[in-house]
Protein backbone atom coordinates (compact mmCIF):
# COMPACT_ATOMS: atom_id res chain seq x y z
CA MET A 1 116.89 -105.53 -270.32
CA LYS A 2 118.38 -102.06 -269.98
CA ARG A 3 122.03 -101.40 -269.24
CA VAL A 4 123.80 -98.22 -268.11
CA ASP A 5 125.18 -97.99 -271.63
CA ASP A 6 121.68 -97.40 -272.95
CA PHE A 7 121.76 -93.95 -271.29
CA ARG A 8 123.92 -90.87 -271.80
CA LEU A 9 124.72 -87.87 -269.62
CA GLN A 10 124.54 -84.56 -271.47
CA LEU A 11 126.69 -81.84 -269.86
CA GLY A 12 126.80 -78.89 -272.20
CA LYS A 13 128.41 -80.09 -275.43
CA HIS A 14 129.65 -83.30 -273.81
CA GLU A 15 127.79 -86.59 -274.22
CA LEU A 16 129.13 -89.01 -271.62
CA VAL A 17 128.72 -92.51 -270.28
CA PRO A 18 126.62 -91.73 -267.16
CA ILE A 19 129.20 -93.03 -264.69
CA MET A 20 131.03 -90.65 -262.35
CA VAL A 21 133.78 -92.02 -260.12
CA GLY A 22 133.73 -90.16 -256.80
CA GLY A 23 136.60 -88.09 -255.47
CA MET A 24 138.14 -89.98 -252.55
CA GLY A 25 140.95 -88.23 -250.67
CA VAL A 26 143.76 -88.28 -249.67
CA ASP A 27 144.80 -89.46 -253.16
CA ILE A 28 142.64 -92.58 -252.97
CA SER A 29 141.00 -91.39 -256.17
CA THR A 30 144.34 -91.01 -257.90
CA ALA A 31 145.08 -89.24 -261.15
CA GLU A 32 145.42 -92.68 -262.73
CA LEU A 33 141.91 -93.68 -261.62
CA SER A 34 140.37 -90.45 -262.90
CA LEU A 35 142.23 -90.78 -266.19
CA GLU A 36 140.80 -94.26 -266.73
CA ALA A 37 137.25 -93.04 -266.09
CA ALA A 38 137.74 -90.20 -268.58
CA ARG A 39 139.36 -92.50 -271.18
CA LEU A 40 136.34 -94.78 -270.97
CA GLY A 41 133.95 -91.89 -271.62
CA GLY A 42 132.76 -91.14 -268.10
CA ILE A 43 133.79 -88.66 -265.43
CA GLY A 44 136.68 -89.17 -263.04
CA HIS A 45 137.49 -87.19 -259.92
CA ILE A 46 140.71 -86.24 -258.27
CA SER A 47 140.51 -84.80 -254.76
CA ASP A 48 141.94 -81.54 -253.47
CA ALA A 49 142.36 -83.00 -249.98
CA MET A 50 145.92 -82.27 -248.80
CA VAL A 51 147.19 -81.48 -252.28
CA PRO A 52 150.68 -80.42 -251.08
CA THR A 53 151.11 -83.92 -249.61
CA VAL A 54 149.89 -85.49 -252.86
CA SER A 55 152.32 -83.32 -254.82
CA ASP A 56 155.21 -84.43 -252.59
CA ARG A 57 154.35 -88.06 -253.38
CA ARG A 58 153.82 -87.61 -257.09
CA PHE A 59 156.40 -85.00 -258.00
CA ASN A 60 158.98 -85.17 -255.20
CA THR A 61 158.26 -81.65 -254.01
CA LYS A 62 159.00 -80.72 -250.38
CA TYR A 63 155.92 -78.75 -249.34
CA VAL A 64 155.24 -80.72 -246.15
CA LYS A 65 158.89 -80.93 -245.09
CA ASN A 66 159.40 -77.21 -245.61
CA LYS A 67 156.18 -76.29 -243.78
CA LEU A 68 157.22 -78.39 -240.79
CA LYS A 69 160.67 -76.79 -240.83
CA GLN A 70 159.10 -73.31 -240.89
CA TYR A 71 156.86 -73.98 -237.88
CA LYS A 72 158.97 -76.48 -235.96
CA PHE A 73 159.33 -73.94 -233.14
CA ASN A 74 155.60 -74.36 -232.42
CA VAL A 75 155.37 -78.17 -232.26
CA ALA A 76 155.18 -78.34 -228.47
CA ASN A 77 152.78 -75.41 -228.24
CA THR A 78 149.11 -76.24 -227.70
CA ASP A 79 148.13 -73.01 -229.51
CA LYS A 80 148.14 -73.62 -233.28
CA ALA A 81 146.86 -70.20 -234.36
CA VAL A 82 150.29 -69.24 -235.68
CA VAL A 83 150.36 -72.12 -238.19
CA LYS A 84 149.50 -70.78 -241.65
CA PHE A 85 149.51 -72.05 -245.23
CA ASP A 86 151.46 -70.16 -247.88
CA LEU A 87 148.71 -69.52 -250.43
CA GLY A 88 151.21 -69.12 -253.26
CA LEU A 89 152.64 -72.57 -252.55
CA LEU A 90 149.12 -73.98 -252.19
CA ALA A 91 148.25 -72.68 -255.66
CA GLU A 92 151.53 -74.08 -256.99
CA ALA A 93 150.84 -77.55 -255.58
CA THR A 94 147.29 -77.52 -256.95
CA ALA A 95 148.55 -76.44 -260.38
CA LEU A 96 151.02 -79.34 -260.40
CA HIS A 97 148.43 -81.93 -259.36
CA VAL A 98 145.70 -80.73 -261.70
CA GLY A 99 147.90 -79.62 -264.59
CA ARG A 100 149.83 -82.88 -264.91
CA THR A 101 146.61 -84.86 -264.68
CA MET A 102 144.93 -82.82 -267.42
CA GLU A 103 148.00 -83.10 -269.66
CA ALA A 104 147.71 -86.88 -269.47
CA LYS A 105 143.98 -87.02 -270.22
CA ARG A 106 142.85 -89.13 -273.17
CA GLY A 107 139.40 -90.05 -274.44
CA ASP A 108 136.07 -88.24 -274.53
CA GLY A 109 135.38 -88.16 -270.80
CA LEU A 110 135.97 -85.43 -268.23
CA ILE A 111 138.05 -84.97 -265.10
CA PHE A 112 136.66 -83.03 -262.14
CA ILE A 113 138.17 -82.09 -258.80
CA ASN A 114 136.36 -82.74 -255.52
CA CYS A 115 136.75 -79.60 -253.38
CA MET A 116 136.02 -79.90 -249.65
CA GLU A 117 134.77 -76.84 -247.79
CA LYS A 118 135.73 -78.48 -244.48
CA LEU A 119 139.44 -78.21 -245.35
CA THR A 120 139.56 -74.92 -243.46
CA MET A 121 143.38 -74.64 -243.26
CA ASN A 122 143.33 -71.75 -240.74
CA ALA A 123 141.86 -69.38 -243.35
CA PRO A 124 138.67 -70.98 -244.72
CA LYS A 125 137.61 -68.53 -247.42
CA GLU A 126 141.08 -67.62 -248.64
CA THR A 127 142.32 -71.18 -249.01
CA LEU A 128 139.08 -72.32 -250.66
CA ARG A 129 139.30 -69.49 -253.19
CA VAL A 130 142.92 -70.29 -253.99
CA ARG A 131 142.30 -74.02 -254.34
CA ILE A 132 139.38 -73.62 -256.75
CA LYS A 133 140.97 -70.84 -258.81
CA ALA A 134 144.25 -72.73 -259.12
CA ALA A 135 142.35 -75.80 -260.37
CA LEU A 136 140.51 -73.65 -262.92
CA ASP A 137 143.78 -72.07 -264.05
CA ALA A 138 145.28 -75.54 -264.52
CA GLY A 139 142.48 -76.60 -266.88
CA ILE A 140 140.25 -78.84 -264.75
CA ASP A 141 137.03 -79.78 -266.58
CA GLY A 142 134.81 -79.33 -263.52
CA VAL A 143 134.66 -78.68 -259.79
CA THR A 144 132.45 -80.65 -257.40
CA LEU A 145 131.85 -78.72 -254.18
CA ALA A 146 131.84 -81.20 -251.29
CA ALA A 147 131.93 -81.54 -247.48
CA GLY A 148 129.97 -78.43 -246.62
CA LEU A 149 127.09 -76.20 -247.72
CA HIS A 150 129.37 -73.96 -249.86
CA LEU A 151 126.94 -71.06 -249.51
CA GLY A 152 129.56 -68.54 -250.58
CA SER A 153 131.74 -70.64 -252.86
CA PHE A 154 130.37 -69.38 -256.18
CA GLY A 155 130.99 -65.83 -254.96
CA LEU A 156 134.64 -66.64 -254.29
CA ILE A 157 135.32 -67.41 -257.95
CA GLU A 158 132.72 -65.38 -259.88
CA ASP A 159 135.47 -63.08 -261.18
CA HIS A 160 137.40 -65.96 -262.72
CA PRO A 161 137.32 -66.01 -266.55
CA ARG A 162 136.22 -69.67 -266.56
CA PHE A 163 133.39 -69.20 -264.04
CA ARG A 164 130.65 -69.35 -266.72
CA ASP A 165 132.20 -72.14 -268.76
CA VAL A 166 133.68 -74.72 -266.39
CA LYS A 167 131.31 -77.35 -265.02
CA LEU A 168 130.41 -76.58 -261.40
CA GLY A 169 128.47 -78.98 -259.20
CA ILE A 170 127.51 -79.42 -255.56
CA ILE A 171 127.10 -82.49 -253.33
CA VAL A 172 124.01 -82.38 -251.12
CA SER A 173 122.19 -84.91 -248.96
CA SER A 174 118.86 -83.11 -248.68
CA LEU A 175 116.51 -80.82 -250.56
CA ARG A 176 117.01 -78.17 -247.87
CA ALA A 177 120.78 -78.09 -248.48
CA LEU A 178 120.25 -77.60 -252.22
CA GLN A 179 117.67 -74.86 -251.66
CA LEU A 180 120.07 -72.97 -249.39
CA PHE A 181 122.90 -73.27 -251.87
CA ILE A 182 120.81 -72.05 -254.81
CA LYS A 183 119.38 -69.16 -252.78
CA LYS A 184 122.79 -67.98 -251.59
CA SER A 185 124.37 -68.39 -255.04
CA ALA A 186 121.54 -66.57 -256.85
CA ARG A 187 123.31 -63.22 -256.93
CA THR A 188 126.03 -64.71 -259.16
CA ASN A 189 123.35 -65.54 -261.74
CA ARG A 190 124.81 -69.05 -261.95
CA PHE A 191 123.11 -72.38 -261.26
CA PRO A 192 125.08 -75.57 -260.67
CA ASP A 193 125.62 -77.64 -263.81
CA TYR A 194 124.86 -80.83 -261.88
CA VAL A 195 123.91 -81.93 -258.38
CA VAL A 196 125.34 -85.05 -256.75
CA ILE A 197 122.83 -86.38 -254.21
CA GLU A 198 124.76 -88.41 -251.68
CA GLY A 199 122.65 -90.83 -249.67
CA PRO A 200 123.17 -92.41 -246.24
CA LEU A 201 125.07 -95.48 -247.51
CA ALA A 202 128.02 -93.49 -248.90
CA GLY A 203 131.58 -93.80 -247.64
CA GLY A 204 133.59 -91.30 -245.62
CA HIS A 205 131.91 -88.16 -244.33
CA LEU A 206 128.11 -88.19 -244.39
CA GLY A 207 125.70 -85.29 -244.74
CA PHE A 208 123.43 -86.84 -242.11
CA GLY A 209 123.40 -87.15 -238.34
CA MET A 210 123.72 -90.43 -236.49
CA ASP A 211 120.12 -91.06 -237.54
CA TRP A 212 121.41 -91.71 -241.08
CA SER A 213 119.71 -95.12 -241.31
CA GLN A 214 116.29 -93.44 -241.29
CA PHE A 215 116.94 -91.88 -244.71
CA ASP A 216 116.72 -93.35 -248.20
CA LEU A 217 118.57 -92.17 -251.30
CA ALA A 218 115.74 -92.84 -253.77
CA THR A 219 113.31 -90.83 -251.63
CA ILE A 220 115.69 -87.86 -251.41
CA VAL A 221 116.34 -87.95 -255.16
CA ALA A 222 112.60 -88.00 -255.92
CA GLU A 223 111.97 -85.08 -253.55
CA ILE A 224 114.68 -82.97 -255.16
CA ARG A 225 113.54 -83.89 -258.67
CA GLU A 226 109.97 -82.80 -257.92
CA TRP A 227 111.12 -79.50 -256.43
CA LEU A 228 113.31 -78.72 -259.43
CA LYS A 229 110.40 -79.50 -261.74
CA ALA A 230 108.11 -77.17 -259.79
CA GLU A 231 110.77 -74.43 -260.01
CA ASN A 232 111.26 -75.01 -263.76
CA LEU A 233 114.93 -75.81 -263.17
CA ASP A 234 116.62 -78.36 -265.40
CA ILE A 235 119.69 -79.47 -263.45
CA PRO A 236 121.10 -83.00 -263.93
CA LEU A 237 120.83 -85.12 -260.78
CA ILE A 238 123.49 -87.70 -259.94
CA PRO A 239 122.64 -90.10 -257.08
CA ALA A 240 125.51 -91.55 -255.02
CA GLY A 241 125.93 -93.97 -252.14
CA GLY A 242 125.11 -97.67 -252.20
CA ILE A 243 124.97 -98.05 -256.01
CA PHE A 244 126.84 -101.33 -256.20
CA THR A 245 125.78 -102.90 -259.50
CA GLY A 246 124.89 -101.77 -262.99
CA SER A 247 121.29 -102.72 -262.22
CA ASP A 248 121.31 -100.43 -259.18
CA ALA A 249 122.45 -97.65 -261.49
CA VAL A 250 119.82 -98.42 -264.14
CA ALA A 251 117.07 -98.15 -261.54
CA PHE A 252 118.06 -94.53 -260.86
CA LEU A 253 118.65 -93.70 -264.53
CA ASP A 254 115.26 -95.13 -265.45
CA ALA A 255 113.68 -92.92 -262.79
CA GLY A 256 115.17 -89.78 -264.33
CA ALA A 257 118.69 -89.48 -262.89
CA ALA A 258 121.23 -88.09 -265.35
CA ALA A 259 124.09 -90.29 -264.12
CA VAL A 260 125.30 -92.11 -261.01
CA GLN A 261 128.35 -91.55 -258.84
CA VAL A 262 130.16 -94.67 -257.63
CA ALA A 263 133.28 -95.16 -255.55
CA THR A 264 133.35 -98.18 -253.21
CA ARG A 265 134.05 -100.76 -255.88
CA PHE A 266 136.96 -98.71 -257.21
CA THR A 267 138.74 -98.86 -253.83
CA VAL A 268 140.02 -102.32 -254.81
CA SER A 269 141.18 -101.33 -258.28
CA LYS A 270 144.86 -101.37 -259.24
CA GLU A 271 144.64 -97.65 -260.02
CA CYS A 272 143.35 -96.74 -256.55
CA GLY A 273 145.77 -95.05 -254.17
CA LEU A 274 145.14 -97.37 -251.22
CA PRO A 275 148.09 -99.65 -250.37
CA GLU A 276 147.40 -103.25 -251.36
CA ASP A 277 147.44 -104.52 -247.76
CA VAL A 278 144.65 -102.05 -246.96
CA GLN A 279 142.70 -103.11 -250.05
CA GLN A 280 142.84 -106.68 -248.75
CA GLU A 281 141.25 -105.45 -245.50
CA TYR A 282 138.39 -104.04 -247.59
CA PHE A 283 137.96 -107.40 -249.32
CA LYS A 284 137.94 -109.29 -246.01
CA ALA A 285 135.45 -107.01 -244.26
CA GLY A 286 132.08 -108.34 -243.18
CA GLU A 287 129.01 -106.20 -242.57
CA PRO A 288 129.60 -106.05 -238.77
CA ASP A 289 133.10 -104.64 -239.44
CA ILE A 290 131.69 -101.37 -240.81
CA GLU A 291 130.60 -98.52 -238.55
CA VAL A 292 129.47 -94.91 -238.64
CA ASN A 293 131.16 -92.93 -235.90
CA THR A 294 131.80 -89.32 -234.87
CA ILE A 295 135.59 -89.30 -234.53
CA SER A 296 136.11 -86.85 -237.41
CA PRO A 297 137.17 -83.37 -236.23
CA THR A 298 134.99 -81.90 -239.01
CA GLY A 299 131.86 -82.60 -236.95
CA TYR A 300 130.39 -84.87 -239.64
CA PRO A 301 129.68 -88.57 -238.98
CA MET A 302 132.02 -90.85 -240.87
CA ARG A 303 131.72 -94.42 -242.19
CA MET A 304 134.82 -96.60 -241.91
CA LEU A 305 136.14 -100.04 -241.03
CA LYS A 306 136.15 -100.64 -237.26
CA ASN A 307 139.71 -101.99 -237.34
CA SER A 308 141.19 -98.81 -238.83
CA PRO A 309 144.53 -98.30 -237.03
CA GLY A 310 143.84 -94.59 -236.55
CA ILE A 311 140.78 -95.13 -234.35
CA GLY A 312 141.69 -94.30 -230.75
CA ASP A 313 145.30 -93.55 -231.58
CA GLY A 314 146.48 -90.60 -229.49
CA ILE A 315 149.16 -89.40 -231.86
CA ARG A 316 150.57 -85.93 -231.20
CA PRO A 317 148.88 -83.34 -233.46
CA ASN A 318 151.01 -82.64 -236.52
CA CYS A 319 149.50 -79.27 -237.42
CA GLU A 320 152.88 -77.74 -238.15
CA ALA A 321 153.29 -80.14 -241.09
CA TYR A 322 149.61 -80.50 -242.03
CA GLY A 323 146.94 -78.50 -240.20
CA TYR A 324 144.23 -78.86 -242.83
CA LEU A 325 141.39 -78.88 -240.30
CA LEU A 326 142.46 -75.83 -238.30
CA ASP A 327 139.66 -73.28 -238.23
CA SER A 328 140.13 -69.51 -238.53
CA ASN A 329 141.12 -69.38 -234.84
CA GLY A 330 143.73 -72.12 -235.19
CA SER A 331 141.53 -74.70 -233.44
CA CYS A 332 140.82 -78.34 -234.28
CA GLN A 333 138.61 -80.72 -232.31
CA TYR A 334 141.35 -83.36 -232.30
CA VAL A 335 143.92 -80.94 -230.87
CA GLU A 336 141.46 -80.09 -228.10
CA ALA A 337 140.74 -83.77 -227.39
CA TYR A 338 144.46 -84.66 -227.38
CA ASN A 339 145.37 -81.83 -225.01
CA ARG A 340 142.53 -82.89 -222.70
CA GLU A 341 143.83 -86.45 -222.50
CA VAL A 342 147.42 -85.29 -221.93
CA ALA A 343 146.22 -83.10 -219.06
CA LEU A 344 144.26 -86.01 -217.57
CA HIS A 345 147.21 -88.43 -217.84
CA PRO A 346 150.36 -86.34 -217.25
CA GLU A 347 152.56 -89.39 -216.56
CA ALA A 348 151.54 -91.35 -219.65
CA LYS A 349 154.11 -91.71 -222.43
CA LYS A 350 151.25 -92.10 -224.94
CA VAL A 351 147.57 -91.34 -224.51
CA LYS A 352 144.52 -92.81 -226.21
CA VAL A 353 142.03 -90.40 -227.76
CA LEU A 354 138.80 -92.27 -228.45
CA ASP A 355 136.35 -89.49 -229.32
CA LYS A 356 138.32 -87.80 -232.13
CA THR A 357 141.16 -88.70 -234.49
CA CYS A 358 144.01 -86.81 -236.12
CA LEU A 359 142.43 -87.02 -239.54
CA CYS A 360 145.27 -85.25 -241.38
CA THR A 361 148.02 -87.63 -240.26
CA HIS A 362 145.94 -90.80 -240.36
CA MET A 363 144.35 -90.14 -243.76
CA ARG A 364 147.77 -89.23 -245.12
CA ASN A 365 149.11 -92.58 -243.86
CA PHE A 366 146.02 -94.56 -244.99
CA GLU A 367 145.17 -95.50 -241.39
CA ILE A 368 141.53 -94.37 -241.37
CA TRP A 369 139.81 -96.81 -243.70
CA THR A 370 136.74 -94.93 -244.88
CA CYS A 371 134.34 -97.05 -246.88
CA GLY A 372 130.84 -97.34 -248.28
CA HIS A 373 128.13 -99.41 -246.59
CA TYR A 374 128.44 -102.22 -249.15
CA THR A 375 132.18 -102.69 -248.73
CA TYR A 376 131.39 -106.11 -247.26
CA ARG A 377 130.22 -107.16 -250.74
CA LEU A 378 133.58 -106.44 -252.41
CA LYS A 379 134.70 -110.05 -251.89
CA ASP A 380 131.89 -111.06 -254.28
CA THR A 381 133.39 -108.93 -257.08
CA SER A 382 136.74 -110.73 -257.26
CA ARG A 383 138.44 -114.12 -257.11
CA ARG A 384 140.45 -115.47 -254.21
CA ASN A 385 144.09 -116.37 -254.73
CA GLU A 386 145.69 -119.55 -253.42
CA ASP A 387 147.26 -117.63 -250.53
CA GLY A 388 143.84 -116.39 -249.41
CA SER A 389 144.22 -112.87 -250.73
CA TYR A 390 141.86 -111.42 -253.32
CA GLN A 391 142.72 -110.46 -256.88
CA LEU A 392 142.83 -106.71 -257.48
CA LEU A 393 140.70 -105.46 -260.36
CA SER A 394 141.40 -102.98 -263.10
CA ALA A 395 139.42 -99.74 -263.11
CA GLU A 396 138.39 -100.57 -266.67
CA HIS A 397 136.94 -103.92 -265.58
CA ILE A 398 134.85 -102.27 -262.84
CA PHE A 399 133.74 -99.41 -265.09
CA ARG A 400 132.71 -101.78 -267.89
CA ASP A 401 130.84 -103.99 -265.43
CA TYR A 402 128.75 -101.03 -264.33
CA GLN A 403 128.28 -100.02 -267.96
CA PHE A 404 127.16 -103.33 -269.43
CA SER A 405 125.94 -105.66 -266.66
CA THR A 406 122.30 -106.69 -266.20
CA ASP A 407 120.21 -108.70 -263.71
CA ASN A 408 122.29 -107.46 -260.75
CA THR A 409 125.15 -109.67 -261.89
CA ILE A 410 128.80 -108.78 -261.28
CA ALA A 411 131.44 -109.90 -263.76
CA LEU A 412 134.39 -111.55 -262.06
CA PRO A 413 137.92 -110.94 -263.38
CA ALA A 414 139.42 -113.44 -265.79
């Protein structure tokens, strides 16, 4: 019976175990998690979501504190257009996060950074260009373009000396999205080195509407594979979303996928950035505890645990410290929703905002518990302790289980 280890992903000169660990932000896919994936011969991801915050945690920098101090005069103002990011400091924070991670890398695998287009930061193109270029300067092995169509992203970095050599990929959820990306990127004479096809069972933001349940990952992968074949394009395809066992992965690899991207099972690893009390919530979750909602200010549906503390919490917008979802006009859907509720309830000391959430603050504080559809199966991957809690797993244990398991079995920890 075939195992994932019977296959290999060929990316340029690199021959890799065909397992890619997805880039979960904010610092849920930590440097430590990505380093383990690379050490074991696969691909790990760090995320560029709120990198200044991540740098403050890892390296004791003061980016967030200083930004808040600079714009403290605007905290009570409903207009956030004045709040800007210092692009030099943004590049500095990215260089720290990526550079230190790459310095620590061991093994034959690779480390990529997941780069979200929807982190608009009050200057969408400029901040995106700075974030990607700073990661390239710091030696990242690859960049996965996520959370958006990225129609102009290749153009933003085509003058970078590493543009032709670094591995560049895109996450899509439909053939149409990939066709648009390739068409718009054609003038750079550069195709993506790989395509991650994220299906409807993935965690966090989804590339589908609220009709997500009508779609099927295997069908989307097959459609894209046939189109690439008809166009004589040889681009490795990497399915993602709902691949819970090594046997799930083998089914895609046997059908022609180059690798698989997995994430949900790594949320309960010791190397994951989630606090342990939150990881225990993931273990305890049942299928009815998981929902897809529209509270994200990005406009994308999002999958998360229903009991996430950030759902409905009418916290005052903290754009002066964060502001990652401000568009080019200084607007954010949460700020608009919060101001609406304050106007409707002028006497209330604290309002509830049910339709949107302050994603920056709540993701930073691990209070929006994004998760994959099969999170309710995590309890079957571990052992229960005498106190009722579940044993955390090592990233190596999870990676090896994907790599070597058969018959849809899951190896429990010793």
